[in-house]
C-alpha atoms as a PDB file:
ATOM      1  CA  MET A   1      11.959  20.064  -4.128  1.00  0.00           C
ATOM      2  CA  PRO A   2      12.703  19.252  -7.445  1.00  0.00           C
ATOM      3  CA  PRO A   3       9.345  19.244  -9.870  1.00  0.00           C
ATOM      4  CA  ALA A   4      10.142  15.690 -11.235  1.00  0.00           C
ATOM      5  CA  VAL A   5       8.943  14.282  -7.826  1.00  0.00           C
ATOM      6  CA  TYR A   6       5.484  15.219  -8.523  1.00  0.00           C
ATOM      7  CA  THR A   7       5.483  14.110 -12.155  1.00  0.00           C
ATOM      8  CA  LEU A   8       6.753  10.967 -10.667  1.00  0.00           C
ATOM      9  CA  ALA A   9       4.713  10.321  -8.077  1.00  0.00           C
ATOM     10  CA  LEU A  10       1.872  11.245 -10.037  1.00  0.00           C
ATOM     11  CA  ALA A  11       2.681   8.798 -13.164  1.00  0.00           C
ATOM     12  CA  GLY A  12       3.110   6.093 -10.541  1.00  0.00           C
ATOM     13  CA  ALA A  13      -0.319   6.749  -9.488  1.00  0.00           C
ATOM     14  CA  VAL A  14      -1.584   6.000 -12.694  1.00  0.00           C
ATOM     15  CA  CYS A  15       0.275   3.228 -13.568  1.00  0.00           C
ATOM     16  CA  ASN A  16      -0.803   1.547 -10.624  1.00  0.00           C
ATOM     17  CA  ALA A  17      -4.336   2.422 -11.626  1.00  0.00           C
ATOM     18  CA  GLY A  18      -3.781   0.966 -14.944  1.00  0.00           C
ATOM     19  CA  ALA A  19      -2.243  -2.426 -13.737  1.00  0.00           C
ATOM     20  CA  THR A  20      -4.941  -2.763 -11.127  1.00  0.00           C
ATOM     21  CA  ILE A  21      -7.915  -2.956 -14.520  1.00  0.00           C
ATOM     22  CA  LEU A  22      -5.250  -4.955 -16.720  1.00  0.00           C
ATOM     23  CA  ILE A  23      -5.170  -7.205 -14.034  1.00  0.00           C
ATOM     24  CA  ARG A  24      -8.789  -7.568 -13.349  1.00  0.00           C
ATOM     25  CA  ARG A  25      -9.501  -8.245 -17.162  1.00  0.00           C
ATOM     26  CA  GLY A  26      -6.485 -11.142 -17.032  1.00  0.00           C
ATOM     27  CA  LEU A  27      -8.239 -12.698 -14.371  1.00  0.00           C
ATOM     28  CA  ARG A  28     -10.982 -13.627 -16.633  1.00  0.00           C
ATOM     29  CA  ASP A  29      -9.610 -16.633 -18.370  1.00  0.00           C
ATOM     30  CA  ALA A  30      -6.658 -17.140 -15.933  1.00  0.00           C
ATOM     31  CA  SER A  31      -5.820 -17.619 -11.957  1.00  0.00           C
ATOM     32  CA  PRO A  32      -4.173 -14.942  -9.600  1.00  0.00           C
ATOM     33  CA  TYR A  33      -1.388 -17.229  -9.164  1.00  0.00           C
ATOM     34  CA  THR A  34      -0.507 -17.293 -12.870  1.00  0.00           C
ATOM     35  CA  GLY A  35      -0.665 -13.452 -12.981  1.00  0.00           C
ATOM     36  CA  VAL A  36       1.567 -12.840  -9.957  1.00  0.00           C
ATOM     37  CA  TRP A  37       4.105 -15.014 -11.246  1.00  0.00           C
ATOM     38  CA  ILE A  38       4.161 -13.396 -14.899  1.00  0.00           C
ATOM     39  CA  ASN A  39       4.033  -9.959 -13.191  1.00  0.00           C
ATOM     40  CA  LEU A  40       7.298 -10.878 -11.223  1.00  0.00           C
ATOM     41  CA  ALA A  41       8.853 -12.608 -14.142  1.00  0.00           C
ATOM     42  CA  VAL A  42       8.206  -9.221 -16.514  1.00  0.00           C
ATOM     43  CA  GLY A  43       9.418  -6.917 -13.415  1.00  0.00           C
ATOM     44  CA  THR A  44      12.559  -9.086 -12.763  1.00  0.00           C
ATOM     45  CA  ILE A  45      13.702  -9.145 -16.812  1.00  0.00           C
ATOM     46  CA  ALA A  46      12.742  -5.409 -17.333  1.00  0.00           C
ATOM     47  CA  LEU A  47      14.571  -4.058 -13.944  1.00  0.00           C
ATOM     48  CA  TRP A  48      17.838  -6.167 -14.838  1.00  0.00           C
ATOM     49  CA  ILE A  49      17.576  -4.733 -18.351  1.00  0.00           C
ATOM     50  CA  ALA A  50      17.698  -1.444 -16.795  1.00  0.00           C
ATOM     51  CA  VAL A  51      20.365  -2.082 -14.008  1.00  0.00           C
ATOM     52  CA  ALA A  52      22.831  -2.879 -17.404  1.00  0.00           C
ATOM     53  CA  ALA A  53      21.558   0.026 -19.298  1.00  0.00           C
ATOM     54  CA  THR A  54      22.144   2.560 -16.501  1.00  0.00           C
ATOM     55  CA  GLY A  55      25.313   0.713 -14.932  1.00  0.00           C
ATOM     56  CA  ALA A  56      23.404   0.935 -11.574  1.00  0.00           C
ATOM     57  CA  LEU A  57      25.390  -2.106 -10.406  1.00  0.00           C
ATOM     58  CA  GLU A  58      27.465   0.424  -7.777  1.00  0.00           C
ATOM     59  CA  SER A  59      28.536  -0.893  -4.534  1.00  0.00           C
ATOM     60  CA  VAL A  60      25.700  -1.938  -2.105  1.00  0.00           C
ATOM     61  CA  GLY A  61      25.961  -2.926   1.178  1.00  0.00           C
ATOM     62  CA  PHE A  62      24.814  -6.370   3.211  1.00  0.00           C
ATOM     63  CA  LYS A  63      21.859  -4.201   4.729  1.00  0.00           C
ATOM     64  CA  GLY A  64      21.043  -2.829   1.573  1.00  0.00           C
ATOM     65  CA  VAL A  65      20.201  -6.186   0.004  1.00  0.00           C
ATOM     66  CA  ALA A  66      18.882  -7.663   3.214  1.00  0.00           C
ATOM     67  CA  TYR A  67      16.022  -4.441   3.269  1.00  0.00           C
ATOM     68  CA  PHE A  68      15.298  -4.954  -0.488  1.00  0.00           C
ATOM     69  CA  ALA A  69      15.060  -8.581  -0.348  1.00  0.00           C
ATOM     70  CA  ALA A  70      12.708  -8.696   3.066  1.00  0.00           C
ATOM     71  CA  ALA A  71      10.629  -5.947   0.909  1.00  0.00           C
ATOM     72  CA  GLY A  72      10.398  -8.633  -2.066  1.00  0.00           C
ATOM     73  CA  ILE A  73       9.012 -11.202  -0.049  1.00  0.00           C
ATOM     74  CA  VAL A  74       6.702  -9.236   2.203  1.00  0.00           C
ATOM     75  CA  GLY A  75       5.756  -6.367  -0.438  1.00  0.00           C
ATOM     76  CA  THR A  76       6.343  -7.292  -3.705  1.00  0.00           C
ATOM     77  CA  LEU A  77       5.296 -11.233  -3.165  1.00  0.00           C
ATOM     78  CA  ALA A  78       2.563 -11.544  -0.565  1.00  0.00           C
ATOM     79  CA  GLY A  79       1.233  -8.046  -1.269  1.00  0.00           C
ATOM     80  CA  ARG A  80       0.803  -8.490  -4.850  1.00  0.00           C
ATOM     81  CA  LEU A  81      -0.464 -12.016  -4.355  1.00  0.00           C
ATOM     82  CA  PHE A  82      -3.254 -10.723  -2.097  1.00  0.00           C
ATOM     83  CA  ARG A  83      -3.857  -7.893  -4.434  1.00  0.00           C
ATOM     84  CA  PHE A  84      -4.586 -10.291  -7.484  1.00  0.00           C
ATOM     85  CA  VAL A  85      -6.824 -12.455  -5.350  1.00  0.00           C
ATOM     86  CA  ALA A  86      -8.385  -9.324  -3.949  1.00  0.00           C
ATOM     87  CA  ILE A  87      -9.370  -7.934  -7.408  1.00  0.00           C
ATOM     88  CA  GLU A  88     -10.730 -11.234  -8.208  1.00  0.00           C
ATOM     89  CA  LYS A  89     -13.000 -11.415  -5.169  1.00  0.00           C
ATOM     90  CA  VAL A  90     -14.441  -7.798  -5.122  1.00  0.00           C
ATOM     91  CA  GLY A  91     -13.541  -6.217  -7.985  1.00  0.00           C
ATOM     92  CA  ALA A  92     -10.752  -3.489  -9.091  1.00  0.00           C
ATOM     93  CA  SER A  93     -12.574  -0.401  -7.835  1.00  0.00           C
ATOM     94  CA  VAL A  94     -12.840  -1.800  -4.421  1.00  0.00           C
ATOM     95  CA  ALA A  95      -9.882  -3.508  -3.735  1.00  0.00           C
ATOM     96  CA  ALA A  96      -7.576  -0.344  -5.232  1.00  0.00           C
ATOM     97  CA  ALA A  97      -9.766   1.687  -2.442  1.00  0.00           C
ATOM     98  CA  VAL A  98      -8.952  -0.944   0.188  1.00  0.00           C
ATOM     99  CA  ILE A  99      -5.580  -1.627  -0.572  1.00  0.00           C
ATOM    100  CA  ASN A 100      -5.131   1.950  -0.756  1.00  0.00           C
ATOM    101  CA  LEU A 101      -5.022   2.092   3.313  1.00  0.00           C
ATOM    102  CA  ASN A 102      -1.353   1.050   3.323  1.00  0.00           C
ATOM    103  CA  PRO A 103       0.025   4.591   4.329  1.00  0.00           C
ATOM    104  CA  PHE A 104      -2.958   4.630   7.094  1.00  0.00           C
ATOM    105  CA  ILE A 105      -1.256   1.118   8.416  1.00  0.00           C
ATOM    106  CA  SER A 106       2.344   2.296   7.922  1.00  0.00           C
ATOM    107  CA  THR A 107       1.169   5.521  10.348  1.00  0.00           C
ATOM    108  CA  GLY A 108      -0.224   3.191  12.958  1.00  0.00           C
ATOM    109  CA  LEU A 109       2.916   1.009  12.846  1.00  0.00           C
ATOM    110  CA  ALA A 110       4.937   4.131  13.252  1.00  0.00           C
ATOM    111  CA  ILE A 111       2.633   5.220  16.037  1.00  0.00           C
ATOM    112  CA  LEU A 112       2.724   1.700  17.768  1.00  0.00           C
ATOM    113  CA  LEU A 113       6.681   0.954  17.134  1.00  0.00           C
ATOM    114  CA  LEU A 114       8.176   4.216  16.729  1.00  0.00           C
ATOM    115  CA  GLY A 115       6.116   6.179  19.420  1.00  0.00           C
ATOM    116  CA  GLU A 116       4.842   8.749  16.934  1.00  0.00           C
ATOM    117  CA  ARG A 117       2.564  10.947  18.351  1.00  0.00           C
ATOM    118  CA  VAL A 118      -1.177  10.775  17.747  1.00  0.00           C
ATOM    119  CA  THR A 119      -2.618  13.959  15.991  1.00  0.00           C
ATOM    120  CA  LEU A 120      -5.624  15.876  15.027  1.00  0.00           C
ATOM    121  CA  ALA A 121      -4.795  15.094  11.295  1.00  0.00           C
ATOM    122  CA  ILE A 122      -4.655  11.091  12.280  1.00  0.00           C
ATOM    123  CA  LEU A 123      -7.888  11.129  14.055  1.00  0.00           C
ATOM    124  CA  ALA A 124     -10.043  12.864  11.165  1.00  0.00           C
ATOM    125  CA  GLY A 125      -7.872  10.768   8.663  1.00  0.00           C
ATOM    126  CA  THR A 126      -8.969   7.614  10.586  1.00  0.00           C
ATOM    127  CA  THR A 127     -12.358   8.910  10.957  1.00  0.00           C
ATOM    128  CA  VAL A 128     -13.012   9.140   7.383  1.00  0.00           C
ATOM    129  CA  ILE A 129     -11.048   5.883   6.301  1.00  0.00           C
ATOM    130  CA  VAL A 130     -13.439   4.254   8.498  1.00  0.00           C
ATOM    131  CA  LEU A 131     -17.020   5.644   7.363  1.00  0.00           C
ATOM    132  CA  GLY A 132     -15.779   5.093   3.482  1.00  0.00           C
ATOM    133  CA  THR A 133     -14.512   1.797   4.216  1.00  0.00           C
ATOM    134  CA  ILE A 134     -18.031   1.067   5.721  1.00  0.00           C
ATOM    135  CA  LEU A 135     -19.491   2.162   3.221  1.00  0.00           C
ATOM    136  CA  LEU A 136     -17.902  -0.114   0.752  1.00  0.00           C
ATOM    137  CA  SER A 137     -18.473  -3.232   2.682  1.00  0.00           C
ATOM    138  CA  THR A 138     -21.893  -2.276   2.191  1.00  0.00           C
ATOM    139  CA  THR A 139     -21.677  -2.644  -1.359  1.00  0.00           C
ATOM    140  CA  GLY A 140     -21.068  -6.388  -1.017  1.00  0.00           C
ATOM    141  CA  ARG A 141     -24.483  -7.442  -2.029  1.00  0.00           C
ATOM    142  CA  GLN A 142     -24.689  -4.613  -4.960  1.00  0.00           C
ATOM    143  CA  VAL A 143     -21.303  -5.646  -6.483  1.00  0.00           C
ATOM    144  CA  GLY A 144     -21.374  -9.160  -5.603  1.00  0.00           C
ATOM    145  CA  PHE A 145     -18.819 -10.019  -2.943  1.00  0.00           C
ATOM    146  CA  ARG A 146     -19.199 -10.732   0.905  1.00  0.00           C
ATOM    147  CA  PRO A 147     -18.348  -8.214   3.679  1.00  0.00           C
ATOM    148  CA  VAL A 148     -15.581 -10.757   4.893  1.00  0.00           C
ATOM    149  CA  ASP A 149     -14.138 -10.722   1.071  1.00  0.00           C
ATOM    150  CA  LEU A 150     -12.414  -7.295   2.487  1.00  0.00           C
ATOM    151  CA  VAL A 151      -9.821  -8.868   4.364  1.00  0.00           C
ATOM    152  CA  ILE A 152      -7.739 -10.121   1.406  1.00  0.00           C
ATOM    153  CA  PRO A 153      -7.451  -6.399   0.336  1.00  0.00           C
ATOM    154  CA  LEU A 154      -6.311  -5.585   4.075  1.00  0.00           C
ATOM    155  CA  LEU A 155      -3.921  -8.158   4.230  1.00  0.00           C
ATOM    156  CA  SER A 156      -2.298  -6.494   0.836  1.00  0.00           C
ATOM    157  CA  ALA A 157      -2.546  -3.347   2.443  1.00  0.00           C
ATOM    158  CA  ALA A 158      -0.976  -4.501   5.195  1.00  0.00           C
ATOM    159  CA  CYS A 159       1.886  -5.754   3.330  1.00  0.00           C
ATOM    160  CA  PHE A 160       2.389  -2.754   1.472  1.00  0.00           C
ATOM    161  CA  GLY A 161       2.404  -0.788   4.580  1.00  0.00           C
ATOM    162  CA  VAL A 162       5.341  -2.895   5.929  1.00  0.00           C
ATOM    163  CA  VAL A 163       7.466  -2.183   2.680  1.00  0.00           C
ATOM    164  CA  ALA A 164       6.812   1.055   2.533  1.00  0.00           C
ATOM    165  CA  ILE A 165       9.116   1.284   5.973  1.00  0.00           C
ATOM    166  CA  LEU A 166      11.381  -1.905   4.337  1.00  0.00           C
ATOM    167  CA  ARG A 167      12.322   0.014   0.817  1.00  0.00           C
ATOM    168  CA  LYS A 168      12.522   3.855   2.621  1.00  0.00           C
ATOM    169  CA  ILE A 169      15.396   2.236   4.623  1.00  0.00           C
ATOM    170  CA  GLY A 170      16.701   0.154   1.911  1.00  0.00           C
ATOM    171  CA  LEU A 171      16.909   3.215  -0.440  1.00  0.00           C
ATOM    172  CA  SER A 172      19.585   4.620   2.064  1.00  0.00           C
ATOM    173  CA  GLN A 173      21.960   1.771   1.402  1.00  0.00           C
ATOM    174  CA  ALA A 174      21.379   1.028  -2.540  1.00  0.00           C
ATOM    175  CA  GLY A 175      20.020   2.918  -5.604  1.00  0.00           C
ATOM    176  CA  PRO A 176      16.566   2.453  -6.635  1.00  0.00           C
ATOM    177  CA  VAL A 177      17.078   0.650 -10.081  1.00  0.00           C
ATOM    178  CA  LEU A 178      19.378  -2.096  -8.206  1.00  0.00           C
ATOM    179  CA  GLY A 179      17.380  -2.435  -5.204  1.00  0.00           C
ATOM    180  CA  PHE A 180      14.041  -2.573  -6.774  1.00  0.00           C
ATOM    181  CA  ALA A 181      15.326  -5.205  -8.900  1.00  0.00           C
ATOM    182  CA  VAL A 182      16.787  -7.213  -5.862  1.00  0.00           C
ATOM    183  CA  ASN A 183      13.266  -6.345  -4.610  1.00  0.00           C
ATOM    184  CA  VAL A 184      11.254  -8.370  -7.250  1.00  0.00           C
ATOM    185  CA  THR A 185      14.079 -10.990  -8.101  1.00  0.00           C
ATOM    186  CA  THR A 186      13.649 -12.227  -4.559  1.00  0.00           C
ATOM    187  CA  GLY A 187       9.890 -12.149  -4.956  1.00  0.00           C
ATOM    188  CA  LEU A 188      10.243 -14.284  -8.173  1.00  0.00           C
ATOM    189  CA  LEU A 189      12.394 -16.986  -6.938  1.00  0.00           C
ATOM    190  CA  VAL A 190      10.794 -17.519  -3.822  1.00  0.00           C
ATOM    191  CA  PHE A 191       7.266 -17.552  -5.478  1.00  0.00           C
ATOM    192  CA  THR A 192       9.030 -20.059  -8.312  1.00  0.00           C
ATOM    193  CA  VAL A 193      10.389 -22.417  -5.401  1.00  0.00           C
ATOM    194  CA  PHE A 194       6.998 -22.480  -3.577  1.00  0.00           C
ATOM    195  CA  LEU A 195       4.839 -23.176  -6.943  1.00  0.00           C
ATOM    196  CA  MET A 196       7.404 -26.073  -7.780  1.00  0.00           C
ATOM    197  CA  ALA A 197       7.348 -27.609  -4.070  1.00  0.00           C
ATOM    198  CA  SER A 198       3.512 -27.241  -4.449  1.00  0.00           C
ATOM    199  CA  GLY A 199       2.944 -28.987  -7.409  1.00  0.00           C
ATOM    200  CA  ASN A 200       1.548 -26.089  -9.273  1.00  0.00           C
ATOM    201  CA  ARG A 201       4.128 -25.252 -11.623  1.00  0.00           C
ATOM    202  CA  GLN A 202       1.238 -25.699 -14.428  1.00  0.00           C
ATOM    203  CA  THR A 203       0.377 -22.239 -13.231  1.00  0.00           C
ATOM    204  CA  MET A 204       3.690 -20.464 -14.558  1.00  0.00           C
ATOM    205  CA  ALA A 205       2.459 -21.080 -18.139  1.00  0.00           C
ATOM    206  CA  CYS A 206      -0.255 -18.407 -20.040  1.00  0.00           C
ATOM    207  CA  ARG A 207      -1.464 -17.738 -23.286  1.00  0.00           C
ATOM    208  CA  GLY A 208      -4.129 -15.636 -25.147  1.00  0.00           C
ATOM    209  CA  ARG A 209      -5.625 -12.369 -24.179  1.00  0.00           C
ATOM    210  CA  SER A 210      -4.760 -12.874 -20.486  1.00  0.00           C
ATOM    211  CA  LEU A 211      -0.942 -13.563 -21.161  1.00  0.00           C
ATOM    212  CA  VAL A 212      -1.459  -9.918 -22.937  1.00  0.00           C
ATOM    213  CA  HIS A 213      -3.316  -8.394 -20.119  1.00  0.00           C
ATOM    214  CA  PHE A 214      -0.662  -9.692 -17.462  1.00  0.00           C
ATOM    215  CA  ILE A 215       2.183  -8.648 -19.264  1.00  0.00           C
ATOM    216  CA  SER A 216       1.284  -5.375 -19.871  1.00  0.00           C
ATOM    217  CA  ALA A 217      -0.140  -5.224 -16.204  1.00  0.00           C
ATOM    218  CA  GLY A 218       3.594  -6.184 -14.932  1.00  0.00           C
ATOM    219  CA  LEU A 219       5.166  -3.575 -17.149  1.00  0.00           C
ATOM    220  CA  ALA A 220       2.373  -1.003 -15.803  1.00  0.00           C
ATOM    221  CA  GLU A 221       2.800  -2.092 -12.006  1.00  0.00           C
ATOM    222  CA  ASN A 222       6.728  -2.453 -12.254  1.00  0.00           C
ATOM    223  CA  GLY A 223       6.989   0.834 -13.769  1.00  0.00           C
ATOM    224  CA  GLY A 224       4.853   2.213 -11.313  1.00  0.00           C
ATOM    225  CA  VAL A 225       6.430   1.149  -8.381  1.00  0.00           C
ATOM    226  CA  PHE A 226      10.345   2.121  -9.715  1.00  0.00           C
ATOM    227  CA  MET A 227       8.941   5.780 -10.441  1.00  0.00           C
ATOM    228  CA  THR A 228       7.433   6.226  -6.976  1.00  0.00           C
ATOM    229  CA  LEU A 229      10.812   4.866  -5.482  1.00  0.00           C
ATOM    230  CA  VAL A 230      12.738   7.308  -7.576  1.00  0.00           C
ATOM    231  CA  ALA A 231      10.306  10.120  -6.376  1.00  0.00           C
ATOM    232  CA  LEU A 232      11.010   8.775  -2.730  1.00  0.00           C
ATOM    233  CA  LYS A 233      14.618   8.575  -3.508  1.00  0.00           C
ATOM    234  CA  LEU A 234      14.387  12.699  -4.611  1.00  0.00           C
ATOM    235  CA  GLY A 235      11.684  13.741  -2.331  1.00  0.00           C
ATOM    236  CA  THR A 236      10.017  13.124   1.167  1.00  0.00           C
ATOM    237  CA  VAL A 237       7.628  10.777   2.182  1.00  0.00           C
ATOM    238  CA  SER A 238       5.108  13.666   3.142  1.00  0.00           C
ATOM    239  CA  VAL A 239       5.033  14.485  -0.346  1.00  0.00           C
ATOM    240  CA  VAL A 240       4.993  11.454  -2.352  1.00  0.00           C
ATOM    241  CA  ALA A 241       2.721   9.374  -0.068  1.00  0.00           C
ATOM    242  CA  PRO A 242      -0.432  11.568  -0.561  1.00  0.00           C
ATOM    243  CA  ILE A 243       0.259  12.050  -4.306  1.00  0.00           C
ATOM    244  CA  ALA A 244       0.541   8.095  -4.990  1.00  0.00           C
ATOM    245  CA  ALA A 245      -2.433   7.495  -2.536  1.00  0.00           C
ATOM    246  CA  THR A 246      -4.599   8.863  -5.577  1.00  0.00           C
ATOM    247  CA  ALA A 247      -4.119   5.448  -7.697  1.00  0.00           C
ATOM    248  CA  PRO A 248      -8.032   4.524  -6.369  1.00  0.00           C
ATOM    249  CA  ILE A 249      -9.373   7.763  -7.914  1.00  0.00           C
ATOM    250  CA  PHE A 250      -7.889   6.794 -11.322  1.00  0.00           C
ATOM    251  CA  VAL A 251      -9.520   3.161 -11.287  1.00  0.00           C
ATOM    252  CA  LEU A 252     -12.830   4.515 -11.057  1.00  0.00           C
ATOM    253  CA  PRO A 253     -12.829   6.181 -14.884  1.00  0.00           C
ATOM    254  CA  LEU A 254     -10.753   3.189 -16.080  1.00  0.00           C
ATOM    255  CA  SER A 255     -13.487   0.789 -14.464  1.00  0.00           C
ATOM    256  CA  MET A 256     -16.276   2.503 -16.569  1.00  0.00           C
ATOM    257  CA  LEU A 257     -14.288   2.578 -19.547  1.00  0.00           C
ATOM    258  CA  PHE A 258     -12.324  -1.156 -19.695  1.00  0.00           C
ATOM    259  CA  LEU A 259     -14.757  -3.139 -17.426  1.00  0.00           C
ATOM    260  CA  ARG A 260     -18.092  -2.954 -18.512  1.00  0.00           C
ATOM    261  CA  GLY A 261     -19.791  -6.334 -18.513  1.00  0.00           C
ATOM    262  CA  ILE A 262     -16.807  -7.635 -15.973  1.00  0.00           C
ATOM    263  CA  GLU A 263     -17.937  -5.671 -12.803  1.00  0.00           C
ATOM    264  CA  ARG A 264     -20.379  -3.525 -11.856  1.00  0.00           C
ATOM    265  CA  LEU A 265     -19.389   0.053 -10.446  1.00  0.00           C
ATOM    266  CA  THR A 266     -22.059   1.767  -8.305  1.00  0.00           C
ATOM    267  CA  ALA A 267     -22.361   5.284  -6.537  1.00  0.00           C
ATOM    268  CA  ARG A 268     -21.421   3.775  -2.897  1.00  0.00           C
ATOM    269  CA  VAL A 269     -18.321   2.497  -4.433  1.00  0.00           C
ATOM    270  CA  ALA A 270     -17.419   5.888  -5.788  1.00  0.00           C
ATOM    271  CA  VAL A 271     -18.269   7.353  -2.432  1.00  0.00           C
ATOM    272  CA  GLY A 272     -16.413   4.780  -0.593  1.00  0.00           C
ATOM    273  CA  THR A 273     -13.089   5.129  -2.587  1.00  0.00           C
ATOM    274  CA  VAL A 274     -13.186   8.912  -2.645  1.00  0.00           C
ATOM    275  CA  LEU A 275     -13.510   9.047   1.491  1.00  0.00           C
ATOM    276  CA  VAL A 276     -10.667   6.251   1.615  1.00  0.00           C
ATOM    277  CA  VAL A 277      -8.399   8.422  -0.902  1.00  0.00           C
ATOM    278  CA  LEU A 278      -9.211  11.658   1.070  1.00  0.00           C
ATOM    279  CA  GLY A 279      -8.589  10.020   4.741  1.00  0.00           C
ATOM    280  CA  VAL A 280      -5.244   8.615   3.369  1.00  0.00           C
ATOM    281  CA  PHE A 281      -4.246  11.793   2.349  1.00  0.00           C
ATOM    282  CA  LEU A 282      -5.229  13.781   5.689  1.00  0.00           C
ATOM    283  CA  ILE A 283      -2.931  11.656   7.597  1.00  0.00           C
ATOM    284  CA  VAL A 284       0.351  11.259   5.149  1.00  0.00           C
ATOM    285  CA  ALA A 285      -0.138  15.164   4.300  1.00  0.00           C
ATOM    286  CA  ARG A 286      -0.109  16.358   8.042  1.00  0.00           C
END
């Protein structure tokens, strides 16, 4: 397997962690709706520039477009929207850890829908994940959220778990550059129509530090997802997924550096995050 696979997957995880911190800072003065719209707009512009620069307008079948468009609605729109709300509600570190459960959800779907066999690694990983999630839920009073708020990052994880399957299938029909451009553009169009139809077009306006943070987060997140997609194109899920799942570990030190005074990081959050990452690693690297 090319060494670039490991580098791209790790870089994607670091970008994801950086985006989480930037989103948290941007949410101090703006709503999650504003952040998501800017995130999608930045991704759409950047990716179509990449398509033009790389000449990636290769022939693509209807199935490829359909899978990436569906991924744009399920993951790029719904998953990111729940992610922004989760970061606002439970904080960057806890949200990153719980959303990191998406490979666990993908595995569960494979067992239920595809008849995949339950192995000892899956059982061990599930046990560790449950322990980590329970530990995170008990930090609510210390950090400042209700345990029920963990439903929001779980919904985000579910969306990202489903979208991983859609993107993997879509990559067999289209290249990562054009496919991801279709993905993000679909999310932007659907979300824009929703905001205008619901009378919330004012949320598409932003300025000041929040605008800078959201634009930076959009570049980091979309860049990270793109690098992960390229890694999946070159390598296997069993190699890329465990490396990409390390993102919450990077969120912990970044939170201590850049989120002082915004949210509180406790020992329980740190231990719970490590347990969740370890459980996901056990499952996807089996």
